[in-house]
Amino acid sequence: MDLRRIRHFVVLAETLNFRRAAERLHMAQPPLSVSIQKLEAELGTTLFTRDARGVALTPSGRAALAEARRMLFHAAQFSDAARSADSGTGGVLRVGFVGSTTFALLPRLVPIFRAEYPGVELVLREATSARILQWLDEEALDVGLVRTPLLRHSGATLLPLEHDGFVAALPRGNALAGKGPLRLAELAGERFIMYAADEAAGLHSAAMSACQLAGFVPRVAQEAIQVQTVLALVESGLGVALVPSIMQRFASERIVYRELEDYPAAAAIGLALAYRPDQQSAAAQRFRDVAARVFPLPRAGRAPAHGAAAA
């Protein structure tokens, strides 16, 4: 059904005068009359009576008027939604995030984006970095906040947002907990809570590399996927762990954090925004622009992601 004819019908129903309706529609009276006749023929009913006294709605016309107005309203909503999505000021943006972003990155980034683009509906999904990259490749997400390094190939590109390093997390009763900053080699005799190699490959690789560069292979007592789970196991006294420094915001009476004096630069970790340039929506582009502005690291270029990743 032609929306132009619906609009002609509504304006004529509101004015009940062909001349005034034609003026409001910026058209001549004869084409308006033809448009109404074609609409009536399409519907198989008369919408207006026409006589010497003027124009009046028939019972069918009165019944159709409310629905016609709703059709025009929803058509306008449809058009607005499409334009907003095309410009990045509306639509849905699906964002994956790793758990450790909830301690600083996500609380800073999301409120700013929502304030600047209130028409965009954010759908947030927590997962490991490996799963987020998989969902990006499958087009189930638009962008992802992941932890680097990443070790498995992906079609995603990375925008680094934060550089970080490990600190030691120890149960409060550990003999090393009373010391100040530690050398990594001092942990050689400890039982480690380690990141699972299959689901948290990036953090696993970085932690293992850091220990090996310090001259030892860690003795793994337990494995976990999420950083928060690793800390919970440390809190339970099952061992020590290397955790991103941002996790020191996770305060617990049963955990002590210690800086590492000799932390190797080769075992650097960080957080990045992952996206697919070949499938990036306007809203995803705007989210990336806000992230780059809020976390202004030096931008030497965009690195392709090669990894299944850390929690």
C-alpha atoms as a PDB file:
ATOM      1  CA  MET A   1       0.000   0.000   0.000  1.00  0.00           C
ATOM      2  CA  ASP A   2       1.404   3.364  -1.077  1.00  0.00           C
ATOM      3  CA  LEU A   3       2.229   5.481   1.990  1.00  0.00           C
ATOM      4  CA  ARG A   4       1.783   8.644  -0.051  1.00  0.00           C
ATOM      5  CA  ARG A   5      -1.887   7.806  -0.555  1.00  0.00           C
ATOM      6  CA  ILE A   6      -2.248   7.065   3.160  1.00  0.00           C
ATOM      7  CA  ARG A   7      -0.774  10.491   3.897  1.00  0.00           C
ATOM      8  CA  HIS A   8      -3.138  12.112   1.380  1.00  0.00           C
ATOM      9  CA  PHE A   9      -6.078  10.376   3.071  1.00  0.00           C
ATOM     10  CA  VAL A  10      -5.064  11.551   6.568  1.00  0.00           C
ATOM     11  CA  VAL A  11      -4.566  15.176   5.512  1.00  0.00           C
ATOM     12  CA  LEU A  12      -7.888  15.253   3.664  1.00  0.00           C
ATOM     13  CA  ALA A  13      -9.607  13.625   6.657  1.00  0.00           C
ATOM     14  CA  GLU A  14      -8.183  16.357   8.898  1.00  0.00           C
ATOM     15  CA  THR A  15      -9.130  19.272   6.622  1.00  0.00           C
ATOM     16  CA  LEU A  16     -12.259  17.855   4.892  1.00  0.00           C
ATOM     17  CA  ASN A  17     -11.446  20.224   2.058  1.00  0.00           C
ATOM     18  CA  PHE A  18      -9.611  19.268  -1.131  1.00  0.00           C
ATOM     19  CA  ARG A  19      -8.164  22.754  -1.680  1.00  0.00           C
ATOM     20  CA  ARG A  20      -6.740  23.074   1.856  1.00  0.00           C
ATOM     21  CA  ALA A  21      -5.489  19.468   1.833  1.00  0.00           C
ATOM     22  CA  ALA A  22      -3.747  20.038  -1.501  1.00  0.00           C
ATOM     23  CA  GLU A  23      -2.081  23.186  -0.127  1.00  0.00           C
ATOM     24  CA  ARG A  24      -0.823  21.327   2.942  1.00  0.00           C
ATOM     25  CA  LEU A  25       0.502  18.537   0.746  1.00  0.00           C
ATOM     26  CA  HIS A  26       2.072  21.003  -1.717  1.00  0.00           C
ATOM     27  CA  MET A  27       0.256  19.477  -4.679  1.00  0.00           C
ATOM     28  CA  ALA A  28      -2.600  20.333  -7.070  1.00  0.00           C
ATOM     29  CA  GLN A  29      -6.187  19.291  -6.346  1.00  0.00           C
ATOM     30  CA  PRO A  30      -6.695  16.967  -9.361  1.00  0.00           C
ATOM     31  CA  PRO A  31      -3.775  14.618  -8.462  1.00  0.00           C
ATOM     32  CA  LEU A  32      -5.009  14.537  -4.861  1.00  0.00           C
ATOM     33  CA  SER A  33      -8.495  13.547  -6.019  1.00  0.00           C
ATOM     34  CA  VAL A  34      -7.012  10.810  -8.226  1.00  0.00           C
ATOM     35  CA  SER A  35      -4.884   9.546  -5.315  1.00  0.00           C
ATOM     36  CA  ILE A  36      -7.933   9.247  -3.028  1.00  0.00           C
ATOM     37  CA  GLN A  37      -9.915   7.467  -5.742  1.00  0.00           C
ATOM     38  CA  LYS A  38      -7.116   4.944  -6.271  1.00  0.00           C
ATOM     39  CA  LEU A  39      -6.895   4.320  -2.514  1.00  0.00           C
ATOM     40  CA  GLU A  40     -10.638   3.732  -2.305  1.00  0.00           C
ATOM     41  CA  ALA A  41     -10.458   1.375  -5.277  1.00  0.00           C
ATOM     42  CA  GLU A  42      -7.596  -0.532  -3.646  1.00  0.00           C
ATOM     43  CA  LEU A  43      -9.543  -0.857  -0.389  1.00  0.00           C
ATOM     44  CA  GLY A  44     -12.822  -1.631  -2.110  1.00  0.00           C
ATOM     45  CA  THR A  45     -14.730   0.912  -0.030  1.00  0.00           C
ATOM     46  CA  THR A  46     -15.598   4.599  -0.037  1.00  0.00           C
ATOM     47  CA  LEU A  47     -13.691   6.742   2.466  1.00  0.00           C
ATOM     48  CA  PHE A  48     -15.310  10.115   1.760  1.00  0.00           C
ATOM     49  CA  THR A  49     -18.683  11.426   0.668  1.00  0.00           C
ATOM     50  CA  ARG A  50     -18.596  14.342  -1.721  1.00  0.00           C
ATOM     51  CA  ASP A  51     -21.591  16.650  -2.268  1.00  0.00           C
ATOM     52  CA  ALA A  52     -22.468  20.324  -2.583  1.00  0.00           C
ATOM     53  CA  ARG A  53     -21.935  20.813   1.137  1.00  0.00           C
ATOM     54  CA  GLY A  54     -18.330  19.551   0.962  1.00  0.00           C
ATOM     55  CA  VAL A  55     -16.401  16.451   1.996  1.00  0.00           C
ATOM     56  CA  ALA A  56     -17.181  14.129   4.899  1.00  0.00           C
ATOM     57  CA  LEU A  57     -15.752  10.864   6.185  1.00  0.00           C
ATOM     58  CA  THR A  58     -17.815   7.739   5.709  1.00  0.00           C
ATOM     59  CA  PRO A  59     -18.048   5.204   8.554  1.00  0.00           C
ATOM     60  CA  SER A  60     -15.286   3.261   6.774  1.00  0.00           C
ATOM     61  CA  GLY A  61     -13.177   6.431   6.587  1.00  0.00           C
ATOM     62  CA  ARG A  62     -13.628   7.154  10.283  1.00  0.00           C
ATOM     63  CA  ALA A  63     -12.675   3.575  11.171  1.00  0.00           C
ATOM     64  CA  ALA A  64      -9.566   3.711   8.945  1.00  0.00           C
ATOM     65  CA  LEU A  65      -8.282   7.099  10.122  1.00  0.00           C
ATOM     66  CA  ALA A  66      -6.728   5.944  13.408  1.00  0.00           C
ATOM     67  CA  GLU A  67      -4.948   3.023  11.726  1.00  0.00           C
ATOM     68  CA  ALA A  68      -3.752   5.297   8.935  1.00  0.00           C
ATOM     69  CA  ARG A  69      -2.199   7.645  11.478  1.00  0.00           C
ATOM     70  CA  ARG A  70      -0.510   4.678  13.177  1.00  0.00           C
ATOM     71  CA  MET A  71       0.868   3.509   9.830  1.00  0.00           C
ATOM     72  CA  LEU A  72       2.401   6.913   9.172  1.00  0.00           C
ATOM     73  CA  PHE A  73       3.831   7.062  12.708  1.00  0.00           C
ATOM     74  CA  HIS A  74       5.469   3.639  12.422  1.00  0.00           C
ATOM     75  CA  ALA A  75       6.752   4.455   8.953  1.00  0.00           C
ATOM     76  CA  ALA A  76       8.449   7.541  10.407  1.00  0.00           C
ATOM     77  CA  GLN A  77       9.864   5.445  13.266  1.00  0.00           C
ATOM     78  CA  PHE A  78      11.160   2.926  10.744  1.00  0.00           C
ATOM     79  CA  SER A  79      12.844   5.660   8.755  1.00  0.00           C
ATOM     80  CA  ASP A  80      14.342   7.298  11.858  1.00  0.00           C
ATOM     81  CA  ALA A  81      15.707   3.980  13.113  1.00  0.00           C
ATOM     82  CA  ALA A  82      17.344   3.226   9.791  1.00  0.00           C
ATOM     83  CA  ARG A  83      18.908   6.698   9.557  1.00  0.00           C
ATOM     84  CA  SER A  84      20.101   6.578  13.189  1.00  0.00           C
ATOM     85  CA  ALA A  85      21.746   3.195  12.689  1.00  0.00           C
ATOM     86  CA  ASP A  86      23.383   4.408   9.484  1.00  0.00           C
ATOM     87  CA  SER A  87      24.801   7.461  11.272  1.00  0.00           C
ATOM     88  CA  GLY A  88      25.808   5.554  14.422  1.00  0.00           C
ATOM     89  CA  THR A  89      23.445   7.495  16.688  1.00  0.00           C
ATOM     90  CA  GLY A  90      20.934   4.666  17.058  1.00  0.00           C
ATOM     91  CA  GLY A  91      20.481   0.943  16.711  1.00  0.00           C
ATOM     92  CA  VAL A  92      22.018  -1.879  18.747  1.00  0.00           C
ATOM     93  CA  LEU A  93      25.714  -2.278  19.578  1.00  0.00           C
ATOM     94  CA  ARG A  94      26.812  -5.716  20.841  1.00  0.00           C
ATOM     95  CA  VAL A  95      29.909  -5.466  23.044  1.00  0.00           C
ATOM     96  CA  GLY A  96      31.846  -8.403  24.450  1.00  0.00           C
ATOM     97  CA  PHE A  97      34.066  -7.842  27.469  1.00  0.00           C
ATOM     98  CA  VAL A  98      36.431  -9.785  29.705  1.00  0.00           C
ATOM     99  CA  GLY A  99      35.750  -9.738  33.429  1.00  0.00           C
ATOM    100  CA  SER A 100      38.811  -7.715  34.403  1.00  0.00           C
ATOM    101  CA  THR A 101      37.565  -4.719  32.365  1.00  0.00           C
ATOM    102  CA  THR A 102      34.834  -4.202  34.988  1.00  0.00           C
ATOM    103  CA  PHE A 103      37.381  -2.847  37.472  1.00  0.00           C
ATOM    104  CA  ALA A 104      38.280   0.304  35.519  1.00  0.00           C
ATOM    105  CA  LEU A 105      37.969   0.268  31.742  1.00  0.00           C
ATOM    106  CA  LEU A 106      34.275  -0.546  31.352  1.00  0.00           C
ATOM    107  CA  PRO A 107      33.072   1.842  34.127  1.00  0.00           C
ATOM    108  CA  ARG A 108      34.951   4.700  32.431  1.00  0.00           C
ATOM    109  CA  LEU A 109      34.085   3.938  28.825  1.00  0.00           C
ATOM    110  CA  VAL A 110      30.402   2.972  28.920  1.00  0.00           C
ATOM    111  CA  PRO A 111      28.999   6.056  30.739  1.00  0.00           C
ATOM    112  CA  ILE A 112      30.805   8.401  28.342  1.00  0.00           C
ATOM    113  CA  PHE A 113      29.556   6.537  25.276  1.00  0.00           C
ATOM    114  CA  ARG A 114      25.989   6.397  26.585  1.00  0.00           C
ATOM    115  CA  ALA A 115      26.043  10.129  27.374  1.00  0.00           C
ATOM    116  CA  GLU A 116      27.229  10.974  23.856  1.00  0.00           C
ATOM    117  CA  TYR A 117      25.065   8.436  22.010  1.00  0.00           C
ATOM    118  CA  PRO A 118      21.952   7.825  24.122  1.00  0.00           C
ATOM    119  CA  GLY A 119      20.075   6.423  21.132  1.00  0.00           C
ATOM    120  CA  VAL A 120      22.395   3.415  20.829  1.00  0.00           C
ATOM    121  CA  GLU A 121      21.259   0.356  22.785  1.00  0.00           C
ATOM    122  CA  LEU A 122      24.264  -1.422  24.323  1.00  0.00           C
ATOM    123  CA  VAL A 123      24.094  -5.189  24.700  1.00  0.00           C
ATOM    124  CA  LEU A 124      26.998  -6.349  26.901  1.00  0.00           C
ATOM    125  CA  ARG A 125      28.218  -9.971  27.022  1.00  0.00           C
ATOM    126  CA  GLU A 126      30.937 -11.219  29.351  1.00  0.00           C
ATOM    127  CA  ALA A 127      33.230 -13.962  28.059  1.00  0.00           C
ATOM    128  CA  THR A 128      36.871 -14.929  27.671  1.00  0.00           C
ATOM    129  CA  SER A 129      38.928 -13.148  25.047  1.00  0.00           C
ATOM    130  CA  ALA A 130      39.037 -16.337  22.977  1.00  0.00           C
ATOM    131  CA  ARG A 131      35.256 -16.572  22.924  1.00  0.00           C
ATOM    132  CA  ILE A 132      34.891 -12.854  22.147  1.00  0.00           C
ATOM    133  CA  LEU A 133      37.163 -13.211  19.113  1.00  0.00           C
ATOM    134  CA  GLN A 134      35.178 -16.226  17.967  1.00  0.00           C
ATOM    135  CA  TRP A 135      31.921 -14.265  18.258  1.00  0.00           C
ATOM    136  CA  LEU A 136      33.451 -11.352  16.330  1.00  0.00           C
ATOM    137  CA  ASP A 137      34.452 -13.718  13.538  1.00  0.00           C
ATOM    138  CA  GLU A 138      30.932 -15.187  13.565  1.00  0.00           C
ATOM    139  CA  GLU A 139      29.402 -11.664  13.515  1.00  0.00           C
ATOM    140  CA  ALA A 140      27.650 -12.347  16.830  1.00  0.00           C
ATOM    141  CA  LEU A 141      29.392  -9.275  18.330  1.00  0.00           C
ATOM    142  CA  ASP A 142      30.244  -5.846  16.944  1.00  0.00           C
ATOM    143  CA  VAL A 143      33.244  -5.030  19.163  1.00  0.00           C
ATOM    144  CA  GLY A 144      35.080  -6.719  22.021  1.00  0.00           C
ATOM    145  CA  LEU A 145      37.168  -5.596  24.975  1.00  0.00           C
ATOM    146  CA  VAL A 146      39.836  -8.276  25.277  1.00  0.00           C
ATOM    147  CA  ARG A 147      43.018  -8.962  27.181  1.00  0.00           C
ATOM    148  CA  THR A 148      46.276  -9.234  25.281  1.00  0.00           C
ATOM    149  CA  PRO A 149      48.401 -11.058  24.219  1.00  0.00           C
ATOM    150  CA  LEU A 150      46.221 -13.100  21.884  1.00  0.00           C
ATOM    151  CA  LEU A 151      47.583 -16.349  20.517  1.00  0.00           C
ATOM    152  CA  ARG A 152      45.049 -17.673  18.028  1.00  0.00           C
ATOM    153  CA  HIS A 153      44.354 -16.297  14.573  1.00  0.00           C
ATOM    154  CA  SER A 154      41.349 -14.046  14.149  1.00  0.00           C
ATOM    155  CA  GLY A 155      40.116 -11.667  11.486  1.00  0.00           C
ATOM    156  CA  ALA A 156      39.802  -8.953  14.155  1.00  0.00           C
ATOM    157  CA  THR A 157      41.971  -5.858  14.423  1.00  0.00           C
ATOM    158  CA  LEU A 158      43.144  -4.586  17.812  1.00  0.00           C
ATOM    159  CA  LEU A 159      43.118  -1.065  19.207  1.00  0.00           C
ATOM    160  CA  PRO A 160      45.333  -1.112  22.354  1.00  0.00           C
ATOM    161  CA  LEU A 161      43.686   0.710  25.262  1.00  0.00           C
ATOM    162  CA  GLU A 162      45.804  -0.088  28.336  1.00  0.00           C
ATOM    163  CA  HIS A 163      49.290  -1.452  28.951  1.00  0.00           C
ATOM    164  CA  ASP A 164      49.721  -3.513  32.082  1.00  0.00           C
ATOM    165  CA  GLY A 165      51.944  -5.988  33.877  1.00  0.00           C
ATOM    166  CA  PHE A 166      51.602  -8.678  36.481  1.00  0.00           C
ATOM    167  CA  VAL A 167      51.787  -8.299  40.239  1.00  0.00           C
ATOM    168  CA  ALA A 168      52.038 -11.184  42.669  1.00  0.00           C
ATOM    169  CA  ALA A 169      48.893 -12.133  44.580  1.00  0.00           C
ATOM    170  CA  LEU A 170      49.640 -14.093  47.759  1.00  0.00           C
ATOM    171  CA  PRO A 171      47.546 -15.503  50.587  1.00  0.00           C
ATOM    172  CA  ARG A 172      48.020 -13.252  53.616  1.00  0.00           C
ATOM    173  CA  GLY A 173      49.574 -16.114  55.583  1.00  0.00           C
ATOM    174  CA  ASN A 174      52.294 -16.712  52.985  1.00  0.00           C
ATOM    175  CA  ALA A 175      55.853 -16.148  54.221  1.00  0.00           C
ATOM    176  CA  LEU A 176      56.502 -13.621  51.443  1.00  0.00           C
ATOM    177  CA  ALA A 177      53.400 -11.552  52.231  1.00  0.00           C
ATOM    178  CA  GLY A 178      55.239  -9.502  54.865  1.00  0.00           C
ATOM    179  CA  LYS A 179      57.927  -8.354  52.454  1.00  0.00           C
ATOM    180  CA  GLY A 180      57.846  -5.335  50.183  1.00  0.00           C
ATOM    181  CA  PRO A 181      58.339  -5.581  46.423  1.00  0.00           C
ATOM    182  CA  LEU A 182      59.485  -9.042  45.362  1.00  0.00           C
ATOM    183  CA  ARG A 183      61.796 -10.453  42.773  1.00  0.00           C
ATOM    184  CA  LEU A 184      59.923 -12.888  40.588  1.00  0.00           C
ATOM    185  CA  ALA A 185      62.499 -15.587  41.300  1.00  0.00           C
ATOM    186  CA  GLU A 186      61.472 -15.513  44.972  1.00  0.00           C
ATOM    187  CA  LEU A 187      58.247 -17.223  43.940  1.00  0.00           C
ATOM    188  CA  ALA A 188      60.054 -20.205  42.433  1.00  0.00           C
ATOM    189  CA  GLY A 189      59.234 -22.496  45.374  1.00  0.00           C
ATOM    190  CA  GLU A 190      55.552 -21.560  45.560  1.00  0.00           C
ATOM    191  CA  ARG A 191      52.516 -23.445  44.315  1.00  0.00           C
ATOM    192  CA  PHE A 192      50.898 -21.426  41.515  1.00  0.00           C
ATOM    193  CA  ILE A 193      47.313 -20.834  40.515  1.00  0.00           C
ATOM    194  CA  MET A 194      47.715 -20.697  36.731  1.00  0.00           C
ATOM    195  CA  TYR A 195      45.491 -19.658  33.838  1.00  0.00           C
ATOM    196  CA  ALA A 196      44.075 -22.508  31.774  1.00  0.00           C
ATOM    197  CA  ALA A 197      46.094 -22.907  28.588  1.00  0.00           C
ATOM    198  CA  ASP A 198      43.092 -23.683  26.404  1.00  0.00           C
ATOM    199  CA  GLU A 199      40.584 -21.005  27.515  1.00  0.00           C
ATOM    200  CA  ALA A 200      42.959 -18.286  28.786  1.00  0.00           C
ATOM    201  CA  ALA A 201      45.870 -18.810  26.438  1.00  0.00           C
ATOM    202  CA  GLY A 202      47.136 -15.215  26.453  1.00  0.00           C
ATOM    203  CA  LEU A 203      47.474 -14.853  30.222  1.00  0.00           C
ATOM    204  CA  HIS A 204      48.770 -18.407  30.508  1.00  0.00           C
ATOM    205  CA  SER A 205      51.518 -17.689  27.988  1.00  0.00           C
ATOM    206  CA  ALA A 206      52.453 -14.344  29.573  1.00  0.00           C
ATOM    207  CA  ALA A 207      52.598 -15.766  33.111  1.00  0.00           C
ATOM    208  CA  MET A 208      54.593 -18.824  32.072  1.00  0.00           C
ATOM    209  CA  SER A 209      56.998 -16.657  30.061  1.00  0.00           C
ATOM    210  CA  ALA A 210      57.505 -14.261  32.980  1.00  0.00           C
ATOM    211  CA  CYS A 211      58.416 -17.142  35.305  1.00  0.00           C
ATOM    212  CA  GLN A 212      60.713 -18.785  32.786  1.00  0.00           C
ATOM    213  CA  LEU A 213      62.489 -15.500  32.087  1.00  0.00           C
ATOM    214  CA  ALA A 214      63.056 -15.306  35.861  1.00  0.00           C
ATOM    215  CA  GLY A 215      64.714 -18.720  35.720  1.00  0.00           C
ATOM    216  CA  PHE A 216      62.058 -21.208  36.806  1.00  0.00           C
ATOM    217  CA  VAL A 217      59.059 -23.171  35.617  1.00  0.00           C
ATOM    218  CA  PRO A 218      56.141 -22.618  37.991  1.00  0.00           C
ATOM    219  CA  ARG A 219      54.692 -25.552  39.916  1.00  0.00           C
ATOM    220  CA  VAL A 220      50.999 -25.408  39.026  1.00  0.00           C
ATOM    221  CA  ALA A 221      48.592 -26.442  41.789  1.00  0.00           C
ATOM    222  CA  GLN A 222      45.317 -25.327  40.199  1.00  0.00           C
ATOM    223  CA  GLU A 223      44.110 -23.810  36.936  1.00  0.00           C
ATOM    224  CA  ALA A 224      41.307 -21.330  36.266  1.00  0.00           C
ATOM    225  CA  ILE A 225      39.940 -19.342  33.330  1.00  0.00           C
ATOM    226  CA  GLN A 226      38.863 -15.991  34.784  1.00  0.00           C
ATOM    227  CA  VAL A 227      41.191 -13.691  36.730  1.00  0.00           C
ATOM    228  CA  GLN A 228      38.536 -13.340  39.432  1.00  0.00           C
ATOM    229  CA  THR A 229      38.499 -17.129  39.867  1.00  0.00           C
ATOM    230  CA  VAL A 230      42.282 -17.189  40.128  1.00  0.00           C
ATOM    231  CA  LEU A 231      42.061 -14.621  42.935  1.00  0.00           C
ATOM    232  CA  ALA A 232      39.356 -16.619  44.687  1.00  0.00           C
ATOM    233  CA  LEU A 233      41.681 -19.652  44.728  1.00  0.00           C
ATOM    234  CA  VAL A 234      44.532 -17.512  46.069  1.00  0.00           C
ATOM    235  CA  GLU A 235      42.134 -16.193  48.709  1.00  0.00           C
ATOM    236  CA  SER A 236      41.432 -19.811  49.664  1.00  0.00           C
ATOM    237  CA  GLY A 237      45.133 -20.347  50.338  1.00  0.00           C
ATOM    238  CA  LEU A 238      45.713 -22.802  47.476  1.00  0.00           C
ATOM    239  CA  GLY A 239      48.684 -20.950  46.038  1.00  0.00           C
ATOM    240  CA  VAL A 240      50.078 -17.711  44.640  1.00  0.00           C
ATOM    241  CA  ALA A 241      49.328 -16.156  41.265  1.00  0.00           C
ATOM    242  CA  LEU A 242      50.439 -13.527  38.804  1.00  0.00           C
ATOM    243  CA  VAL A 243      47.503 -11.193  38.109  1.00  0.00           C
ATOM    244  CA  PRO A 244      47.117  -7.958  36.117  1.00  0.00           C
ATOM    245  CA  SER A 245      48.021  -4.972  38.299  1.00  0.00           C
ATOM    246  CA  ILE A 246      44.539  -3.475  37.868  1.00  0.00           C
ATOM    247  CA  MET A 247      43.216  -6.372  39.947  1.00  0.00           C
ATOM    248  CA  GLN A 248      44.701  -4.782  43.070  1.00  0.00           C
ATOM    249  CA  ARG A 249      41.368  -2.994  43.222  1.00  0.00           C
ATOM    250  CA  PHE A 250      39.941  -6.361  44.231  1.00  0.00           C
ATOM    251  CA  ALA A 251      40.447  -5.837  47.952  1.00  0.00           C
ATOM    252  CA  SER A 252      40.410  -8.795  50.322  1.00  0.00           C
ATOM    253  CA  GLU A 253      41.654  -9.273  53.857  1.00  0.00           C
ATOM    254  CA  ARG A 254      43.014 -12.665  52.793  1.00  0.00           C
ATOM    255  CA  ILE A 255      45.067 -11.480  49.780  1.00  0.00           C
ATOM    256  CA  VAL A 256      48.265  -9.429  49.649  1.00  0.00           C
ATOM    257  CA  TYR A 257      49.523  -7.885  46.405  1.00  0.00           C
ATOM    258  CA  ARG A 258      53.216  -7.300  45.816  1.00  0.00           C
ATOM    259  CA  GLU A 259      54.977  -5.428  43.027  1.00  0.00           C
ATOM    260  CA  LEU A 260      57.586  -7.365  41.071  1.00  0.00           C
ATOM    261  CA  GLU A 261      60.923  -5.551  40.863  1.00  0.00           C
ATOM    262  CA  ASP A 262      62.194  -7.561  37.905  1.00  0.00           C
ATOM    263  CA  TYR A 263      59.023  -8.011  35.887  1.00  0.00           C
ATOM    264  CA  PRO A 264      60.162  -8.720  32.304  1.00  0.00           C
ATOM    265  CA  ALA A 265      58.975  -6.378  29.555  1.00  0.00           C
ATOM    266  CA  ALA A 266      58.763  -9.389  27.252  1.00  0.00           C
ATOM    267  CA  ALA A 267      55.799 -10.656  29.300  1.00  0.00           C
ATOM    268  CA  ALA A 268      53.720  -7.475  28.940  1.00  0.00           C
ATOM    269  CA  ILE A 269      49.947  -7.742  29.015  1.00  0.00           C
ATOM    270  CA  GLY A 270      47.186  -5.254  28.323  1.00  0.00           C
ATOM    271  CA  LEU A 271      43.630  -4.548  27.249  1.00  0.00           C
ATOM    272  CA  ALA A 272      42.490  -3.798  23.716  1.00  0.00           C
ATOM    273  CA  LEU A 273      39.365  -3.169  21.674  1.00  0.00           C
ATOM    274  CA  ALA A 274      38.895  -5.839  19.012  1.00  0.00           C
ATOM    275  CA  TYR A 275      36.803  -5.173  15.924  1.00  0.00           C
ATOM    276  CA  ARG A 276      36.321  -6.385  12.378  1.00  0.00           C
ATOM    277  CA  PRO A 277      37.021  -3.570   9.865  1.00  0.00           C
ATOM    278  CA  ASP A 278      35.127  -5.467   7.167  1.00  0.00           C
ATOM    279  CA  GLN A 279      31.871  -5.573   9.148  1.00  0.00           C
ATOM    280  CA  GLN A 280      32.019  -2.464  11.308  1.00  0.00           C
ATOM    281  CA  SER A 281      28.755  -0.579  11.836  1.00  0.00           C
ATOM    282  CA  ALA A 282      28.614   3.177  12.319  1.00  0.00           C
ATOM    283  CA  ALA A 283      27.836   2.667  16.031  1.00  0.00           C
ATOM    284  CA  ALA A 284      30.865   0.382  16.382  1.00  0.00           C
ATOM    285  CA  GLN A 285      33.021   3.044  14.726  1.00  0.00           C
ATOM    286  CA  ARG A 286      31.751   5.655  17.179  1.00  0.00           C
ATOM    287  CA  PHE A 287      32.405   3.302  20.123  1.00  0.00           C
ATOM    288  CA  ARG A 288      35.952   2.785  18.873  1.00  0.00           C
ATOM    289  CA  ASP A 289      36.469   6.545  18.494  1.00  0.00           C
ATOM    290  CA  VAL A 290      35.270   7.156  22.065  1.00  0.00           C
ATOM    291  CA  ALA A 291      37.533   4.363  23.381  1.00  0.00           C
ATOM    292  CA  ALA A 292      40.559   5.832  21.586  1.00  0.00           C
ATOM    293  CA  ARG A 293      39.801   9.252  23.069  1.00  0.00           C
ATOM    294  CA  VAL A 294      39.223   8.013  26.628  1.00  0.00           C
ATOM    295  CA  PHE A 295      42.312   5.754  26.571  1.00  0.00           C
ATOM    296  CA  PRO A 296      44.801   7.721  24.456  1.00  0.00           C
ATOM    297  CA  LEU A 297      47.744   5.357  24.116  1.00  0.00           C
ATOM    298  CA  PRO A 298      50.296   6.124  21.373  1.00  0.00           C
ATOM    299  CA  ARG A 299      48.747   4.862  18.130  1.00  0.00           C
ATOM    300  CA  ALA A 300      51.518   3.480  15.964  1.00  0.00           C
ATOM    301  CA  GLY A 301      48.969   1.564  13.915  1.00  0.00           C
ATOM    302  CA  ARG A 302      46.337  -1.120  14.238  1.00  0.00           C
ATOM    303  CA  ALA A 303      47.538  -4.616  14.996  1.00  0.00           C
ATOM    304  CA  PRO A 304      45.750  -7.653  13.584  1.00  0.00           C
ATOM    305  CA  ALA A 305      44.666 -10.078  16.278  1.00  0.00           C
ATOM    306  CA  HIS A 306      46.226 -13.506  16.231  1.00  0.00           C
ATOM    307  CA  GLY A 307      44.758 -15.011  19.229  1.00  0.00           C
ATOM    308  CA  ALA A 308      42.593 -16.978  21.471  1.00  0.00           C
ATOM    309  CA  ALA A 309      42.961 -15.081  24.602  1.00  0.00           C
ATOM    310  CA  ALA A 310      42.950 -14.508  28.209  1.00  0.00           C
ATOM    311  CA  ALA A 311      40.113 -14.026  30.587  1.00  0.00           C
END
